[in-house]
């Protein structure tokens, strides 16, 4: 996941997304990998991937307020306002 994060920071978005996806496939229950993949998705403006990784991360850490709020923000940006508002209300 570190390689994907570095690639995202260097503007190598396609490679970063591919490497993040591979890391998640190899370690789908690793919170560090998922958080790295979330960072890559945000840096590469791939909100659909960010939402998918956030959902997986929340399966492992359902009480993580930060992850809930990030998911709510991303859902709102994708136009899924009702779900975003419900998530925000649940953690505030």
Protein backbone atom coordinates (compact mmCIF):
# COMPACT_ATOMS: atom_id res chain seq x y z
CA UNK A 1 0.00 0.00 0.00
CA UNK A 2 2.96 2.31 0.60
CA UNK A 3 3.89 2.13 -3.08
CA UNK A 4 0.33 3.08 -4.06
CA UNK A 5 0.39 6.02 -1.65
CA UNK A 6 3.69 7.25 -3.09
CA UNK A 7 2.38 6.88 -6.63
CA UNK A 8 -0.74 8.85 -5.75
CA UNK A 9 1.38 11.64 -4.28
CA UNK A 10 3.46 11.71 -7.46
CA UNK A 11 0.41 11.94 -9.72
CA UNK A 12 0.64 8.37 -11.00
CA UNK A 13 -3.04 7.86 -10.44
CA UNK A 14 -3.72 4.78 -12.55
CA UNK A 15 -0.83 2.84 -11.06
CA UNK A 16 -1.73 4.00 -7.55
CA UNK A 17 -5.32 2.84 -7.92
CA UNK A 18 -4.23 -0.53 -9.30
CA UNK A 19 -1.70 -1.10 -6.53
CA UNK A 20 -4.18 -0.04 -3.84
CA UNK A 21 -6.76 -2.47 -5.23
CA UNK A 22 -4.17 -5.26 -5.26
CA UNK A 23 -3.18 -4.52 -1.66
CA UNK A 24 -6.83 -4.66 -0.56
CA UNK A 25 -7.33 -7.94 -2.44
CA UNK A 26 -4.32 -9.43 -0.67
CA UNK A 27 -5.22 -8.11 2.79
CA UNK A 28 -8.93 -7.22 2.84
CA UNK A 29 -9.15 -7.31 6.65
CA UNK A 30 -6.09 -5.19 7.36
CA UNK A 31 -7.16 -1.75 8.66
CA UNK A 32 -3.81 -0.19 7.74
CA UNK A 33 -4.15 -1.35 4.14
CA UNK A 34 -7.74 -0.14 3.96
CA UNK A 35 -6.86 3.28 5.36
CA UNK A 36 -4.03 3.54 2.84
CA UNK A 37 -6.38 2.60 0.03
CA UNK A 38 -8.84 5.26 1.24
CA UNK A 39 -6.06 7.84 1.12
CA UNK A 40 -5.10 6.76 -2.42
CA UNK A 41 -8.71 6.94 -3.56
CA UNK A 42 -9.06 10.46 -2.18
CA UNK A 43 -5.76 11.63 -3.68
CA UNK A 44 -6.75 10.24 -7.07
CA UNK A 45 -10.28 11.70 -6.88
CA UNK A 46 -11.86 8.27 -7.04
CA UNK A 47 -14.78 8.69 -4.66
CA UNK A 48 -16.44 5.44 -5.74
CA UNK A 49 -13.35 3.53 -4.64
CA UNK A 50 -13.09 5.59 -1.46
CA UNK A 51 -16.67 4.73 -0.55
CA UNK A 52 -16.06 1.02 -1.18
CA UNK A 53 -12.91 1.01 0.95
CA UNK A 54 -14.60 3.05 3.69
CA UNK A 55 -17.46 0.54 3.83
CA UNK A 56 -14.96 -2.32 4.19
CA UNK A 57 -13.05 -0.44 6.88
CA UNK A 58 -16.26 0.22 8.80
CA UNK A 59 -17.07 -3.49 8.75
CA UNK A 60 -13.86 -3.98 10.73
CA UNK A 61 -14.20 -0.84 12.87
CA UNK A 62 -17.93 -0.06 13.06
CA UNK A 63 -17.54 2.50 15.85
CA UNK A 64 -14.86 4.57 14.14
CA UNK A 65 -16.37 8.05 14.09
CA UNK A 66 -13.77 9.44 11.69
CA UNK A 67 -14.45 6.73 9.10
CA UNK A 68 -18.21 7.34 9.41
CA UNK A 69 -17.81 11.05 8.84
CA UNK A 70 -15.47 10.50 5.89
CA UNK A 71 -17.99 8.11 4.35
CA UNK A 72 -20.79 10.62 4.92
CA UNK A 73 -18.75 13.37 3.24
CA UNK A 74 -17.94 11.19 0.24
CA UNK A 75 -21.52 9.99 -0.12
CA UNK A 76 -22.72 13.58 -0.03
CA UNK A 77 -20.26 14.51 -2.77
CA UNK A 78 -21.63 11.63 -4.83
CA UNK A 79 -25.16 12.96 -4.38
CA UNK A 80 -26.25 10.26 -1.91
CA UNK A 81 -27.45 12.83 0.58
CA UNK A 82 -29.97 10.76 2.54
CA UNK A 83 -27.45 8.09 3.46
CA UNK A 84 -24.85 10.76 4.20
CA UNK A 85 -27.20 12.59 6.55
CA UNK A 86 -28.17 9.35 8.31
CA UNK A 87 -24.51 8.50 8.90
CA UNK A 88 -23.74 11.99 10.16
CA UNK A 89 -26.70 11.91 12.51
CA UNK A 90 -25.65 8.53 13.87
CA UNK A 91 -22.24 9.77 14.96
CA UNK A 92 -23.08 13.26 16.20
